[in-house]
Structures are given as C-alpha cells and as structure tokens.
C-alpha cells in the first residue's frame, strides 16, 4: 500500500536549531523526508521551511500533531500540516475572456493541476457552455439594478456554498471591494498583464502596440485592498518586436497569462508560497 505524503509549512524568527529541531522530531517518529526547502529572509530575520514527508505507518494519528506542536512551541514556530492527497477546493471567477479558464479546466481534468475545481462564477454567460462541458456548476451572477455590492455578495455566497478554499480571478473584469478582499485574504489569486500601471482599461495590448513595446508579460498575485498590487506569486515575459500586430500581441499575452496563473495556483495548492509583507517567497 502506498503511504500518504504530508506537507509541513513552518515559519518562525530565525535562530540556531530550527531546522534540526523539526527534522529530528520527524526522524524520531520514523518519518521519511522526501523534500525539504529552507529560506532565511535577511530583512525580517525570519525562517520558512517546507517539508514533504511520509509517515512510518499508513497515516498520522492525533498524537503526532499534539506532540509536534509541543516540540515547536519553545522556538515560536508557526506551522500547518496537510495531507497532499487533500486537494484544495477552487472556485473560478471569469468574465467574457476564457483563455485562463480553459487552461485551468484542462489541467485540472488531466490531473496535472493538484486542485479540485468546484464552481465557476461569472457576470456573463459566455463561459457557461465550456464550464458545463466539464461537468461543473456555472453560476451566472450579472450586475443587476440592485448594484455591484449585491452581486458581489452572491459571488461570495456561491464560493462559501461550494466550500471554496481559493478563489481564482481568471480574467474576472470586476474589482472586488475592500471588504471582500479582507474576507478572502490569502485565498484569492488574480492575473493581469504586466504593463500596469500603464495601459489600463480595455484592449491593453492594442495600447502597447501603439507605444511599440518590446516586452509583454503577465503577473499573478494575491488579492488585497490595493488594486493589482497584492503580493506577487509569479511573473513571466516574452520579447516581441515591430512585426507583431495587436492581435498577435494579444495572443502571446493570453498564453503568458494562462501559464503564469496555472503556476501560481499550483504553487499555492502545494503550500509553496510564503508571504513577507507585500512580497512572497516561493519554495520550489
């Protein structure tokens, strides 16, 4: 029988013996460490660790968590433990453009993205057919006469009703309110082109064409109350030149957005992302 793999995330003020304490405790209980990453942030003098291990038996009992917590407490170590087989439940918010949604659905359906997609919500009907083709519930939540605040409440209700753990804004062209950002802190990931704060609004790649840009890219970040300025998880760029039409720039940009968003969601799902203020460390 294949033994389960568990992932430990740990964070604490740096001091001598942190890594030794953690690994010795695991070794003392017969755990086999499969993967280990450690990073010391020189600015905050804080250590983060990510360890994947398999237990001695077929699973961990309640005593493991109790004993582990007692061993970590003297060093001020904050930690979480998760069975990697327990995939996080993801809801996706989308508007009209479907390239990011399609990429996420494909990777999820082929088992290459370690998440469970539980719902798709949208303020438009455009992506209903695609969503339902994958056998997923589609929630059409237009902005009606009652206004945007009421529509956002319905979105959050759908997220919670699906027992969502992460909301992915896959080119969802609505700005979340500060209250929603606070409610979804560390549980919402957004994707956008990397021209910001330039080329805002509609058709950013057409605007970029008019300026003759030579690099285009995408940024995936956690959502916070500062519009498009949350902690960055992943970015990518590609060089272009004067021969590219606005439509070609859009195609290239859409491809980069899809790749970058997939990476960010995967790394979050695998417990690889640690926040340091308004930036992240990704242990991979």
Protein backbone atom coordinates (compact mmCIF):
# COMPACT_ATOMS: atom_id res chain seq x y z
CA UNK A 1 0.00 0.00 0.00
CA UNK A 2 1.31 3.46 -0.92
CA UNK A 3 1.86 5.62 2.11
CA UNK A 4 0.42 9.16 2.10
CA UNK A 5 2.60 12.23 1.72
CA UNK A 6 2.21 15.13 4.11
CA UNK A 7 3.42 18.71 3.69
CA UNK A 8 4.61 20.82 6.62
CA UNK A 9 4.77 24.61 6.34
CA UNK A 10 6.73 26.31 9.07
CA UNK A 11 7.62 29.93 9.84
CA UNK A 12 9.44 31.46 12.79
CA UNK A 13 12.03 34.04 13.88
CA UNK A 14 15.38 32.65 12.82
CA UNK A 15 17.59 31.07 15.47
CA UNK A 16 20.05 28.24 15.73
CA UNK A 17 18.44 24.81 15.80
CA UNK A 18 15.20 25.47 13.93
CA UNK A 19 15.82 23.03 11.08
CA UNK A 20 17.46 20.50 13.40
CA UNK A 21 14.51 20.57 15.79
CA UNK A 22 11.99 19.96 13.01
CA UNK A 23 13.90 17.22 11.19
CA UNK A 24 14.94 15.48 14.41
CA UNK A 25 11.35 15.34 15.57
CA UNK A 26 10.27 13.80 12.26
CA UNK A 27 13.13 11.31 12.28
CA UNK A 28 12.34 10.33 15.85
CA UNK A 29 8.87 9.28 14.74
CA UNK A 30 10.07 7.30 11.75
CA UNK A 31 9.05 9.84 9.13
CA UNK A 32 10.90 9.74 5.82
CA UNK A 33 11.60 13.24 4.43
CA UNK A 34 11.02 13.33 0.67
CA UNK A 35 11.52 17.04 0.00
CA UNK A 36 12.83 19.92 2.11
CA UNK A 37 13.32 23.61 1.43
CA UNK A 38 14.52 26.27 3.86
CA UNK A 39 14.88 30.03 3.37
CA UNK A 40 16.12 32.70 5.75
CA UNK A 41 14.83 36.15 4.90
CA UNK A 42 17.72 38.53 5.66
CA UNK A 43 15.49 41.58 6.10
CA UNK A 44 12.98 40.17 8.60
CA UNK A 45 15.38 37.55 10.03
CA UNK A 46 12.60 35.03 9.68
CA UNK A 47 12.94 31.42 8.56
CA UNK A 48 10.43 29.48 6.48
CA UNK A 49 10.50 25.75 5.79
CA UNK A 50 8.51 23.44 3.58
CA UNK A 51 8.92 19.72 4.18
CA UNK A 52 7.20 16.82 2.45
CA UNK A 53 7.39 13.51 4.28
CA UNK A 54 5.78 10.11 4.51
CA UNK A 55 4.92 8.70 7.94
CA UNK A 56 6.17 5.45 9.36
CA UNK A 57 2.74 3.86 9.17
CA UNK A 58 -0.19 4.30 6.85
CA UNK A 59 -1.29 7.63 8.35
CA UNK A 60 -0.68 10.11 11.15
CA UNK A 61 -2.63 9.90 14.39
CA UNK A 62 -3.81 12.80 16.57
CA UNK A 63 -0.84 12.34 18.89
CA UNK A 64 1.53 13.38 16.11
CA UNK A 65 0.07 16.87 15.85
CA UNK A 66 -0.09 17.29 19.61
CA UNK A 67 3.50 16.18 20.13
CA UNK A 68 4.79 18.16 17.16
CA UNK A 69 3.13 21.34 18.40
CA UNK A 70 4.64 20.90 21.85
CA UNK A 71 8.10 20.46 20.33
CA UNK A 72 7.75 23.55 18.11
CA UNK A 73 6.31 25.89 20.73
CA UNK A 74 9.60 26.78 22.51
CA UNK A 75 11.06 28.08 19.24
CA UNK A 76 7.98 30.11 18.36
CA UNK A 77 7.38 28.06 15.22
CA UNK A 78 4.08 28.60 13.42
CA UNK A 79 3.14 25.55 11.38
CA UNK A 80 0.47 23.82 9.35
CA UNK A 81 0.22 20.18 8.32
CA UNK A 82 -1.73 18.84 5.36
CA UNK A 83 -2.13 15.55 3.55
CA UNK A 84 -1.17 16.27 -0.06
CA UNK A 85 -3.96 13.97 -1.19
CA UNK A 86 -6.46 16.50 0.21
CA UNK A 87 -6.74 18.86 -2.73
CA UNK A 88 -7.86 22.42 -2.11
CA UNK A 89 -11.30 23.37 -3.35
CA UNK A 90 -11.11 26.10 -6.00
CA UNK A 91 -13.80 28.37 -7.41
CA UNK A 92 -13.02 30.33 -10.55
CA UNK A 93 -14.42 33.77 -11.38
CA UNK A 94 -14.39 34.78 -15.05
CA UNK A 95 -15.96 37.38 -17.32
CA UNK A 96 -16.01 37.12 -21.11
CA UNK A 97 -12.45 36.01 -21.90
CA UNK A 98 -11.96 32.27 -21.49
CA UNK A 99 -8.28 31.56 -22.13
CA UNK A 100 -7.26 31.35 -18.46
CA UNK A 101 -10.38 29.40 -17.51
CA UNK A 102 -9.86 26.93 -20.34
CA UNK A 103 -6.25 26.33 -19.33
CA UNK A 104 -7.18 25.73 -15.68
CA UNK A 105 -10.02 23.37 -16.62
CA UNK A 106 -7.83 21.37 -18.97
CA UNK A 107 -5.00 20.92 -16.48
CA UNK A 108 -7.48 20.05 -13.72
CA UNK A 109 -9.27 17.49 -15.91
CA UNK A 110 -6.00 15.79 -16.88
CA UNK A 111 -4.78 15.61 -13.29
CA UNK A 112 -1.78 17.90 -13.81
CA UNK A 113 -3.10 20.65 -11.54
CA UNK A 114 -3.46 19.46 -7.92
CA UNK A 115 -6.79 21.14 -7.15
CA UNK A 116 -10.50 20.34 -7.17
CA UNK A 117 -12.48 22.89 -9.16
CA UNK A 118 -15.89 23.11 -7.51
CA UNK A 119 -17.61 26.03 -9.27
CA UNK A 120 -17.29 28.71 -11.92
CA UNK A 121 -18.94 32.09 -11.38
CA UNK A 122 -19.31 34.83 -13.94
CA UNK A 123 -21.04 38.14 -14.58
CA UNK A 124 -21.59 36.99 -18.19
CA UNK A 125 -22.94 33.85 -19.85
CA UNK A 126 -20.07 33.43 -22.33
CA UNK A 127 -18.27 30.61 -20.48
CA UNK A 128 -21.31 28.57 -19.44
CA UNK A 129 -21.04 26.06 -22.28
CA UNK A 130 -17.35 25.39 -21.63
CA UNK A 131 -17.89 25.04 -17.88
CA UNK A 132 -20.83 22.68 -18.16
CA UNK A 133 -18.99 20.59 -20.77
CA UNK A 134 -16.55 19.79 -17.96
CA UNK A 135 -19.48 18.86 -15.72
CA UNK A 136 -19.08 21.79 -13.35
CA UNK A 137 -21.73 24.12 -11.92
CA UNK A 138 -21.85 27.53 -13.59
CA UNK A 139 -23.25 30.47 -11.63
CA UNK A 140 -24.34 33.42 -13.75
CA UNK A 141 -24.21 36.46 -11.50
CA UNK A 142 -24.94 39.59 -13.54
CA UNK A 143 -24.75 43.03 -12.03
CA UNK A 144 -28.42 43.95 -11.81
CA UNK A 145 -30.38 47.00 -10.71
CA UNK A 146 -29.51 46.32 -7.08
CA UNK A 147 -25.88 47.13 -7.87
CA UNK A 148 -22.40 45.68 -7.68
CA UNK A 149 -22.36 45.16 -3.89
CA UNK A 150 -25.32 42.78 -4.08
CA UNK A 151 -23.73 40.90 -6.97
CA UNK A 152 -20.51 40.50 -5.01
CA UNK A 153 -22.43 39.14 -2.03
CA UNK A 154 -23.94 36.48 -4.30
CA UNK A 155 -20.46 35.62 -5.57
CA UNK A 156 -19.17 35.14 -2.04
CA UNK A 157 -22.25 33.10 -1.13
CA UNK A 158 -21.58 30.79 -4.09
CA UNK A 159 -17.94 30.50 -3.05
CA UNK A 160 -18.82 29.54 0.51
CA UNK A 161 -21.69 27.25 -0.55
CA UNK A 162 -19.17 25.28 -2.63
CA UNK A 163 -16.89 25.15 0.43
CA UNK A 164 -14.28 27.00 -1.59
CA UNK A 165 -10.78 27.42 -0.21
CA UNK A 166 -9.31 29.51 -3.04
CA UNK A 167 -10.96 31.96 -5.45
CA UNK A 168 -9.13 32.36 -8.75
CA UNK A 169 -9.88 35.52 -10.71
CA UNK A 170 -9.27 34.18 -14.22
CA UNK A 171 -9.68 37.46 -16.11
CA UNK A 172 -12.65 38.44 -13.96
CA UNK A 173 -13.12 42.04 -15.01
CA UNK A 174 -14.66 43.30 -11.79
CA UNK A 175 -12.87 44.94 -8.88
CA UNK A 176 -13.51 43.29 -5.51
CA UNK A 177 -14.50 45.62 -2.69
CA UNK A 178 -12.12 46.16 0.25
CA UNK A 179 -14.46 44.08 2.43
CA UNK A 180 -14.30 41.14 0.02
CA UNK A 181 -10.51 41.47 -0.20
CA UNK A 182 -10.26 41.26 3.58
CA UNK A 183 -12.61 38.26 3.71
CA UNK A 184 -10.57 36.46 1.05
CA UNK A 185 -7.13 37.41 2.36
CA UNK A 186 -4.56 34.85 1.15
CA UNK A 187 -7.41 32.95 -0.53
CA UNK A 188 -7.79 34.85 -3.82
CA UNK A 189 -5.36 34.97 -6.75
CA UNK A 190 -5.63 37.42 -9.65
CA UNK A 191 -3.95 37.52 -13.08
CA UNK A 192 -3.31 40.56 -15.26
CA UNK A 193 -0.94 41.81 -17.92
CA UNK A 194 2.33 43.23 -16.61
CA UNK A 195 2.06 46.66 -18.23
CA UNK A 196 0.32 48.09 -15.17
CA UNK A 197 0.07 50.84 -14.07
CA UNK A 198 0.28 51.67 -17.79
CA UNK A 199 -2.24 50.63 -20.43
CA UNK A 200 -5.23 50.41 -18.13
CA UNK A 201 -8.72 49.61 -19.31
CA UNK A 202 -9.86 47.91 -22.49
CA UNK A 203 -7.50 46.48 -25.11
CA UNK A 204 -4.19 46.87 -23.25
CA UNK A 205 -2.28 45.02 -25.98
CA UNK A 206 -3.58 47.44 -28.59
CA UNK A 207 -2.35 50.28 -26.39
CA UNK A 208 1.01 48.51 -26.07
CA UNK A 209 1.20 48.21 -29.84
CA UNK A 210 0.72 51.95 -30.20
CA UNK A 211 3.65 52.50 -27.84
CA UNK A 212 5.87 49.99 -29.61
CA UNK A 213 6.60 47.84 -26.57
CA UNK A 214 9.32 45.20 -26.84
CA UNK A 215 8.36 43.07 -23.82
CA UNK A 216 4.96 41.78 -22.79
CA UNK A 217 4.15 39.66 -19.77
CA UNK A 218 1.76 38.67 -17.02
CA UNK A 219 1.59 38.84 -13.22
CA UNK A 220 -0.25 36.56 -10.79
CA UNK A 221 -0.68 37.87 -7.26
CA UNK A 222 -2.75 37.55 -4.13
CA UNK A 223 -5.66 39.97 -3.98
CA UNK A 224 -5.59 42.74 -1.40
CA UNK A 225 -7.19 46.13 -0.97
CA UNK A 226 -4.60 47.82 -3.21
CA UNK A 227 -5.79 47.28 -6.77
CA UNK A 228 -3.44 44.96 -8.68
CA UNK A 229 -0.71 45.49 -6.09
CA UNK A 230 -1.01 42.37 -3.92
CA UNK A 231 1.95 40.09 -3.15
CA UNK A 232 3.29 38.74 -6.44
CA UNK A 233 3.46 34.95 -6.79
CA UNK A 234 4.69 34.56 -10.37
CA UNK A 235 5.55 36.62 -13.44
CA UNK A 236 6.75 35.89 -16.97
CA UNK A 237 7.69 37.97 -20.01
CA UNK A 238 8.30 37.40 -23.70
CA UNK A 239 10.16 39.58 -26.16
CA UNK A 240 8.22 40.94 -29.12
CA UNK A 241 9.06 43.34 -31.93
CA UNK A 242 7.64 45.70 -34.52
CA UNK A 243 6.38 42.87 -36.73
CA UNK A 244 3.71 41.82 -34.19
CA UNK A 245 0.20 43.07 -34.84
CA UNK A 246 -2.10 43.99 -31.93
CA UNK A 247 -3.88 40.67 -32.43
CA UNK A 248 -0.60 38.75 -32.25
CA UNK A 249 0.39 40.63 -29.11
CA UNK A 250 -2.96 39.71 -27.59
CA UNK A 251 -2.47 36.03 -28.43
CA UNK A 252 1.01 35.98 -26.91
CA UNK A 253 -0.22 37.84 -23.86
CA UNK A 254 -3.13 35.44 -23.35
CA UNK A 255 -0.76 32.47 -23.49
CA UNK A 256 1.56 34.02 -20.90
CA UNK A 257 -1.37 34.86 -18.63
CA UNK A 258 -2.57 31.26 -18.73
CA UNK A 259 0.86 29.81 -17.91
CA UNK A 260 1.55 32.27 -15.10
CA UNK A 261 -1.86 31.76 -13.49
CA UNK A 262 -1.51 27.98 -13.62
CA UNK A 263 1.86 28.18 -11.89
CA UNK A 264 0.57 30.47 -9.17
CA UNK A 265 -2.44 28.26 -8.45
CA UNK A 266 -0.29 25.12 -8.42
CA UNK A 267 2.29 26.59 -6.04
CA UNK A 268 -0.44 27.82 -3.72
CA UNK A 269 -2.12 24.41 -3.80
CA UNK A 270 1.18 22.72 -2.99
CA UNK A 271 1.76 25.03 0.04
CA UNK A 272 4.88 26.56 -1.52
CA UNK A 273 4.03 30.24 -1.12
CA UNK A 274 5.01 32.27 1.96
CA UNK A 275 4.22 35.95 2.39
CA UNK A 276 6.68 38.52 3.68
CA UNK A 277 4.73 41.74 3.92
CA UNK A 278 3.84 42.67 0.35
CA UNK A 279 6.10 40.11 -1.31
CA UNK A 280 6.27 36.34 -1.42
CA UNK A 281 8.83 33.58 -1.18
CA UNK A 282 8.03 30.50 -3.28
CA UNK A 283 9.86 27.38 -2.11
CA UNK A 284 10.12 25.10 -5.14
